[in-house]
Amino acid sequence: DEKRDAHLKSVDFFDVEIFKVINFCANRYENSA
């Protein structure tokens, strides 16, 4: 949905004009089966 995507990119959510990246850095692992 283009309108919803535009809203999610806006300052109400991700504010993509200012914040260009979402980042995840793993730092530990547990409970390996």
All heavy atoms as atom14 arrays in JSON, in Angstrom:
{
  "sequence": "DEKRDAHLKSVDFFDVEIFKVINFCANRYENSA",
  "atom14_mask": [
    [1, 1, 1, 1, 1, 1, 1, 1, 0, 0, 0, 0, 0, 0],
    [1, 1, 1, 1, 1, 1, 1, 1, 1, 0, 0, 0, 0, 0],
    [1, 1, 1, 1, 1, 1, 1, 1, 1, 0, 0, 0, 0, 0],
    [1, 1, 1, 1, 1, 1, 1, 1, 1, 1, 1, 0, 0, 0],
    [1, 1, 1, 1, 1, 1, 1, 1, 0, 0, 0, 0, 0, 0],
    [1, 1, 1, 1, 1, 0, 0, 0, 0, 0, 0, 0, 0, 0],
    [1, 1, 1, 1, 1, 1, 1, 1, 1, 1, 0, 0, 0, 0],
    [1, 1, 1, 1, 1, 1, 1, 1, 0, 0, 0, 0, 0, 0],
    [1, 1, 1, 1, 1, 1, 1, 1, 1, 0, 0, 0, 0, 0],
    [1, 1, 1, 1, 1, 1, 0, 0, 0, 0, 0, 0, 0, 0],
    [1, 1, 1, 1, 1, 1, 1, 0, 0, 0, 0, 0, 0, 0],
    [1, 1, 1, 1, 1, 1, 1, 1, 0, 0, 0, 0, 0, 0],
    [1, 1, 1, 1, 1, 1, 1, 1, 1, 1, 1, 0, 0, 0],
    [1, 1, 1, 1, 1, 1, 1, 1, 1, 1, 1, 0, 0, 0],
    [1, 1, 1, 1, 1, 1, 1, 1, 0, 0, 0, 0, 0, 0],
    [1, 1, 1, 1, 1, 1, 1, 0, 0, 0, 0, 0, 0, 0],
    [1, 1, 1, 1, 1, 1, 1, 1, 1, 0, 0, 0, 0, 0],
    [1, 1, 1, 1, 1, 1, 1, 1, 0, 0, 0, 0, 0, 0],
    [1, 1, 1, 1, 1, 1, 1, 1, 1, 1, 1, 0, 0, 0],
    [1, 1, 1, 1, 1, 1, 1, 1, 1, 0, 0, 0, 0, 0],
    [1, 1, 1, 1, 1, 1, 1, 0, 0, 0, 0, 0, 0, 0],
    [1, 1, 1, 1, 1, 1, 1, 1, 0, 0, 0, 0, 0, 0],
    [1, 1, 1, 1, 1, 1, 1, 1, 0, 0, 0, 0, 0, 0],
    [1, 1, 1, 1, 1, 1, 1, 1, 1, 1, 1, 0, 0, 0],
    [1, 1, 1, 1, 1, 1, 0, 0, 0, 0, 0, 0, 0, 0],
    [1, 1, 1, 1, 1, 0, 0, 0, 0, 0, 0, 0, 0, 0],
    [1, 1, 1, 1, 1, 1, 1, 1, 0, 0, 0, 0, 0, 0],
    [1, 1, 1, 1, 1, 1, 1, 1, 1, 1, 1, 0, 0, 0],
    [1, 1, 1, 1, 1, 1, 1, 1, 1, 1, 1, 1, 0, 0],
    [1, 1, 1, 1, 1, 1, 1, 1, 1, 0, 0, 0, 0, 0],
    [1, 1, 1, 1, 1, 1, 1, 1, 0, 0, 0, 0, 0, 0],
    [1, 1, 1, 1, 1, 1, 0, 0, 0, 0, 0, 0, 0, 0],
    [1, 1, 1, 1, 1, 0, 0, 0, 0, 0, 0, 0, 0, 0]
  ],
  "atom14_positions": [
    [[0.86, -1.17, 0.0], [0.0, 0.0, 0.0], [0.91, 1.23, 0.0], [1.57, 1.51, 1.01], [-0.91, -0.02, 1.22], [-1.85, 1.17, 1.29], [-1.4, 2.32, 1.11], [-3.05, 0.95, 1.53], [0.0, 0.0, 0.0], [0.0, 0.0, 0.0], [0.0, 0.0, 0.0], [0.0, 0.0, 0.0], [0.0, 0.0, 0.0], [0.0, 0.0, 0.0]],
    [[0.94, 1.97, -1.11], [1.86, 3.1, -1.24], [1.64, 4.16, -0.17], [2.6, 4.74, 0.35], [1.74, 3.73, -2.63], [2.34, 2.88, -3.73], [2.23, 3.56, -5.1], [2.07, 4.8, -5.15], [2.33, 2.82, -6.1], [0.0, 0.0, 0.0], [0.0, 0.0, 0.0], [0.0, 0.0, 0.0], [0.0, 0.0, 0.0], [0.0, 0.0, 0.0]],
    [[0.38, 4.46, 0.17], [0.1, 5.47, 1.19], [0.6, 5.03, 2.56], [1.19, 5.81, 3.3], [-1.4, 5.78, 1.25], [-1.89, 6.58, 0.06], [-3.36, 6.88, 0.21], [-3.87, 7.66, -0.99], [-5.3, 7.96, -0.89], [0.0, 0.0, 0.0], [0.0, 0.0, 0.0], [0.0, 0.0, 0.0], [0.0, 0.0, 0.0], [0.0, 0.0, 0.0]],
    [[0.38, 3.77, 2.89], [0.86, 3.26, 4.17], [2.39, 3.26, 4.19], [3.0, 3.66, 5.18], [0.32, 1.85, 4.44], [0.82, 1.29, 5.76], [0.21, -0.06, 6.13], [0.12, -0.97, 5.01], [-1.01, -1.58, 4.64], [-2.14, -1.38, 5.28], [-1.01, -2.41, 3.62], [0.0, 0.0, 0.0], [0.0, 0.0, 0.0], [0.0, 0.0, 0.0]],
    [[3.02, 2.84, 3.09], [4.48, 2.85, 3.02], [5.02, 4.27, 3.22], [5.99, 4.48, 3.95], [4.97, 2.27, 1.7], [4.69, 0.79, 1.55], [4.29, 0.14, 2.55], [4.86, 0.27, 0.44], [0.0, 0.0, 0.0], [0.0, 0.0, 0.0], [0.0, 0.0, 0.0], [0.0, 0.0, 0.0], [0.0, 0.0, 0.0], [0.0, 0.0, 0.0]],
    [[4.38, 5.25, 2.6], [4.8, 6.65, 2.76], [4.65, 7.09, 4.21], [5.53, 7.79, 4.75], [4.0, 7.55, 1.84], [0.0, 0.0, 0.0], [0.0, 0.0, 0.0], [0.0, 0.0, 0.0], [0.0, 0.0, 0.0], [0.0, 0.0, 0.0], [0.0, 0.0, 0.0], [0.0, 0.0, 0.0], [0.0, 0.0, 0.0], [0.0, 0.0, 0.0]],
    [[3.58, 6.66, 4.88], [3.38, 7.01, 6.28], [4.45, 6.36, 7.16], [4.99, 7.0, 8.06], [1.98, 6.6, 6.75], [1.65, 7.09, 8.11], [0.79, 6.42, 8.95], [2.06, 8.18, 8.81], [0.69, 7.06, 10.1], [1.45, 8.14, 10.04], [0.0, 0.0, 0.0], [0.0, 0.0, 0.0], [0.0, 0.0, 0.0], [0.0, 0.0, 0.0]],
    [[4.78, 5.11, 6.87], [5.82, 4.43, 7.66], [7.19, 5.08, 7.46], [8.02, 5.05, 8.37], [5.87, 2.95, 7.29], [4.67, 2.13, 7.76], [4.65, 0.76, 7.1], [4.65, 2.02, 9.27], [0.0, 0.0, 0.0], [0.0, 0.0, 0.0], [0.0, 0.0, 0.0], [0.0, 0.0, 0.0], [0.0, 0.0, 0.0], [0.0, 0.0, 0.0]],
    [[7.44, 5.68, 6.32], [8.7, 6.37, 6.06], [8.75, 7.76, 6.7], [9.82, 8.34, 6.84], [8.93, 6.51, 4.55], [9.13, 5.19, 3.84], [9.18, 5.39, 2.33], [9.12, 4.07, 1.6], [9.13, 4.26, 0.13], [0.0, 0.0, 0.0], [0.0, 0.0, 0.0], [0.0, 0.0, 0.0], [0.0, 0.0, 0.0], [0.0, 0.0, 0.0]],
    [[7.61, 8.27, 7.1], [7.5, 9.64, 7.63], [8.03, 9.75, 9.06], [8.42, 8.76, 9.68], [6.04, 10.09, 7.58], [5.32, 9.53, 8.67], [0.0, 0.0, 0.0], [0.0, 0.0, 0.0], [0.0, 0.0, 0.0], [0.0, 0.0, 0.0], [0.0, 0.0, 0.0], [0.0, 0.0, 0.0], [0.0, 0.0, 0.0], [0.0, 0.0, 0.0]],
    [[7.99, 10.99, 9.59], [8.46, 11.24, 10.96], [7.61, 10.51, 11.99], [8.05, 10.3, 13.12], [8.51, 12.76, 11.28], [9.54, 13.45, 10.42], [7.15, 13.4, 11.14], [0.0, 0.0, 0.0], [0.0, 0.0, 0.0], [0.0, 0.0, 0.0], [0.0, 0.0, 0.0], [0.0, 0.0, 0.0], [0.0, 0.0, 0.0], [0.0, 0.0, 0.0]],
    [[6.38, 10.1, 11.63], [5.54, 9.33, 12.57], [6.15, 7.97, 12.9], [5.87, 7.4, 13.96], [4.15, 9.1, 11.99], [3.27, 10.34, 12.03], [3.59, 11.28, 12.79], [2.26, 10.36, 11.29], [0.0, 0.0, 0.0], [0.0, 0.0, 0.0], [0.0, 0.0, 0.0], [0.0, 0.0, 0.0], [0.0, 0.0, 0.0], [0.0, 0.0, 0.0]],
    [[6.97, 7.43, 11.99], [7.56, 6.12, 12.21], [9.08, 6.17, 11.99], [9.81, 6.56, 12.89], [6.91, 5.05, 11.32], [5.52, 4.69, 11.76], [4.41, 5.27, 11.16], [5.31, 3.78, 12.78], [3.13, 4.95, 11.57], [4.04, 3.46, 13.22], [2.94, 4.04, 12.6], [0.0, 0.0, 0.0], [0.0, 0.0, 0.0], [0.0, 0.0, 0.0]],
    [[9.57, 5.78, 10.82], [11.02, 5.61, 10.62], [11.79, 6.89, 10.3], [13.0, 6.9, 10.39], [11.28, 4.57, 9.52], [10.85, 3.18, 9.91], [9.89, 2.51, 9.17], [11.41, 2.55, 11.01], [9.5, 1.24, 9.53], [11.01, 1.27, 11.38], [10.05, 0.62, 10.64], [0.0, 0.0, 0.0], [0.0, 0.0, 0.0], [0.0, 0.0, 0.0]],
    [[11.12, 7.94, 9.9], [11.77, 9.22, 9.6], [12.99, 9.01, 8.7], [14.12, 9.37, 9.02], [12.17, 9.92, 10.9], [12.45, 11.39, 10.72], [12.32, 11.91, 9.59], [12.83, 12.04, 11.72], [0.0, 0.0, 0.0], [0.0, 0.0, 0.0], [0.0, 0.0, 0.0], [0.0, 0.0, 0.0], [0.0, 0.0, 0.0], [0.0, 0.0, 0.0]],
    [[12.74, 8.44, 7.52], [13.83, 8.01, 6.63], [14.64, 9.15, 6.04], [15.75, 8.92, 5.55], [13.31, 7.08, 5.5], [12.63, 5.85, 6.08], [12.38, 7.82, 4.55], [0.0, 0.0, 0.0], [0.0, 0.0, 0.0], [0.0, 0.0, 0.0], [0.0, 0.0, 0.0], [0.0, 0.0, 0.0], [0.0, 0.0, 0.0], [0.0, 0.0, 0.0]],
    [[14.14, 10.36, 6.1], [14.93, 11.5, 5.62], [16.13, 11.74, 6.53], [17.18, 12.19, 6.08], [14.07, 12.76, 5.51], [13.03, 12.69, 4.42], [13.63, 12.52, 3.03], [14.63, 13.2, 2.72], [13.09, 11.71, 2.26], [0.0, 0.0, 0.0], [0.0, 0.0, 0.0], [0.0, 0.0, 0.0], [0.0, 0.0, 0.0], [0.0, 0.0, 0.0]],
    [[15.98, 11.44, 7.8], [17.08, 11.64, 8.76], [17.79, 10.32, 9.08], [19.01, 10.27, 9.14], [16.54, 12.29, 10.06], [16.05, 13.7, 9.74], [17.62, 12.32, 11.15], [15.4, 14.41, 10.89], [0.0, 0.0, 0.0], [0.0, 0.0, 0.0], [0.0, 0.0, 0.0], [0.0, 0.0, 0.0], [0.0, 0.0, 0.0], [0.0, 0.0, 0.0]],
    [[17.04, 9.25, 9.29], [17.62, 7.97, 9.71], [17.61, 7.0, 8.53], [16.59, 6.43, 8.18], [16.83, 7.4, 10.9], [16.85, 8.33, 12.08], [15.77, 9.15, 12.35], [17.96, 8.4, 12.9], [15.79, 10.01, 13.44], [17.99, 9.27, 13.99], [16.9, 10.08, 14.25], [0.0, 0.0, 0.0], [0.0, 0.0, 0.0], [0.0, 0.0, 0.0]],
    [[18.76, 6.82, 7.92], [18.91, 6.07, 6.67], [19.1, 4.57, 6.87], [19.03, 3.8, 5.92], [20.1, 6.6, 5.87], [20.08, 8.1, 5.63], [19.02, 8.49, 4.66], [19.14, 9.99, 4.34], [17.97, 10.49, 3.7], [0.0, 0.0, 0.0], [0.0, 0.0, 0.0], [0.0, 0.0, 0.0], [0.0, 0.0, 0.0], [0.0, 0.0, 0.0]],
    [[19.38, 4.14, 8.12], [19.75, 2.74, 8.36], [19.09, 2.24, 9.65], [19.02, 2.96, 10.64], [21.28, 2.59, 8.47], [21.68, 1.2, 8.91], [21.96, 2.96, 7.17], [0.0, 0.0, 0.0], [0.0, 0.0, 0.0], [0.0, 0.0, 0.0], [0.0, 0.0, 0.0], [0.0, 0.0, 0.0], [0.0, 0.0, 0.0], [0.0, 0.0, 0.0]],
    [[18.63, 1.0, 9.6], [18.28, 0.24, 10.8], [19.36, -0.82, 10.92], [19.71, -1.47, 9.94], [16.88, -0.4, 10.68], [15.82, 0.7, 10.66], [16.63, -1.4, 11.8], [14.4, 0.2, 10.41], [0.0, 0.0, 0.0], [0.0, 0.0, 0.0], [0.0, 0.0, 0.0], [0.0, 0.0, 0.0], [0.0, 0.0, 0.0], [0.0, 0.0, 0.0]],
    [[19.91, -0.99, 12.13], [21.06, -1.85, 12.33], [20.81, -2.87, 13.43], [20.17, -2.55, 14.44], [22.27, -0.98, 12.68], [23.52, -1.77, 12.93], [23.93, -1.92, 14.06], [24.14, -2.26, 11.88], [0.0, 0.0, 0.0], [0.0, 0.0, 0.0], [0.0, 0.0, 0.0], [0.0, 0.0, 0.0], [0.0, 0.0, 0.0], [0.0, 0.0, 0.0]],
    [[21.32, -4.09, 13.24], [21.3, -5.12, 14.27], [22.69, -5.72, 14.37], [23.26, -6.15, 13.36], [20.29, -6.24, 13.94], [20.36, -7.38, 14.9], [19.78, -7.29, 16.16], [21.03, -8.54, 14.56], [19.86, -8.35, 17.06], [21.12, -9.6, 15.45], [20.53, -9.51, 16.7], [0.0, 0.0, 0.0], [0.0, 0.0, 0.0], [0.0, 0.0, 0.0]],
    [[23.26, -5.74, 15.59], [24.56, -6.37, 15.85], [24.36, -7.46, 16.9], [23.98, -7.17, 18.03], [25.58, -5.35, 16.35], [26.09, -4.19, 15.1], [0.0, 0.0, 0.0], [0.0, 0.0, 0.0], [0.0, 0.0, 0.0], [0.0, 0.0, 0.0], [0.0, 0.0, 0.0], [0.0, 0.0, 0.0], [0.0, 0.0, 0.0], [0.0, 0.0, 0.0]],
    [[24.61, -8.69, 16.5], [24.48, -9.82, 17.44], [25.62, -9.76, 18.43], [26.75, -9.43, 18.08], [24.51, -11.14, 16.68], [0.0, 0.0, 0.0], [0.0, 0.0, 0.0], [0.0, 0.0, 0.0], [0.0, 0.0, 0.0], [0.0, 0.0, 0.0], [0.0, 0.0, 0.0], [0.0, 0.0, 0.0], [0.0, 0.0, 0.0], [0.0, 0.0, 0.0]],
    [[25.33, -10.11, 19.71], [26.4, -10.1, 20.71], [26.48, -11.35, 21.58], [27.45, -11.52, 22.28], [26.33, -8.83, 21.57], [24.98, -8.64, 22.23], [24.31, -9.57, 22.61], [24.58, -7.38, 22.33], [0.0, 0.0, 0.0], [0.0, 0.0, 0.0], [0.0, 0.0, 0.0], [0.0, 0.0, 0.0], [0.0, 0.0, 0.0], [0.0, 0.0, 0.0]],
    [[25.46, -12.22, 21.53], [25.58, -13.49, 22.25], [24.52, -14.48, 21.79], [23.5, -14.09, 21.23], [25.57, -13.3, 23.75], [24.25, -13.04, 24.39], [24.41, -12.85, 25.92], [23.16, -12.87, 26.59], [22.32, -11.84, 26.67], [22.62, -10.71, 26.1], [21.17, -11.96, 27.32], [0.0, 0.0, 0.0], [0.0, 0.0, 0.0], [0.0, 0.0, 0.0]],
    [[24.82, -15.76, 22.04], [23.96, -16.86, 21.63], [23.76, -17.76, 22.83], [24.68, -17.98, 23.61], [24.59, -17.64, 20.48], [24.97, -16.74, 19.33], [26.23, -16.14, 19.26], [24.05, -16.46, 18.33], [26.55, -15.29, 18.22], [24.37, -15.61, 17.28], [25.62, -15.04, 17.23], [25.94, -14.19, 16.21], [0.0, 0.0, 0.0], [0.0, 0.0, 0.0]],
    [[22.54, -18.31, 22.97], [22.24, -19.17, 24.11], [21.33, -20.32, 23.69], [20.64, -20.25, 22.68], [21.53, -18.37, 25.21], [22.39, -17.33, 25.87], [21.67, -16.57, 26.97], [20.46, -16.81, 27.19], [22.32, -15.71, 27.59], [0.0, 0.0, 0.0], [0.0, 0.0, 0.0], [0.0, 0.0, 0.0], [0.0, 0.0, 0.0], [0.0, 0.0, 0.0]],
    [[21.33, -21.34, 24.55], [20.39, -22.45, 24.47], [20.4, -23.17, 23.13], [19.36, -23.44, 22.54], [18.97, -21.99, 24.81], [18.87, -21.39, 26.19], [19.54, -21.86, 27.11], [18.08, -20.36, 26.35], [0.0, 0.0, 0.0], [0.0, 0.0, 0.0], [0.0, 0.0, 0.0], [0.0, 0.0, 0.0], [0.0, 0.0, 0.0], [0.0, 0.0, 0.0]],
    [[21.58, -23.49, 22.67], [21.71, -24.23, 21.43], [21.17, -25.63, 21.62], [21.5, -26.32, 22.58], [23.18, -24.29, 21.01], [23.32, -25.05, 19.85], [0.0, 0.0, 0.0], [0.0, 0.0, 0.0], [0.0, 0.0, 0.0], [0.0, 0.0, 0.0], [0.0, 0.0, 0.0], [0.0, 0.0, 0.0], [0.0, 0.0, 0.0], [0.0, 0.0, 0.0]],
    [[20.33, -26.06, 20.7], [19.74, -27.4, 20.76], [20.23, -28.21, 19.56], [20.67, -27.66, 18.56], [18.22, -27.31, 20.75], [0.0, 0.0, 0.0], [0.0, 0.0, 0.0], [0.0, 0.0, 0.0], [0.0, 0.0, 0.0], [0.0, 0.0, 0.0], [0.0, 0.0, 0.0], [0.0, 0.0, 0.0], [0.0, 0.0, 0.0], [0.0, 0.0, 0.0]]
  ]
}
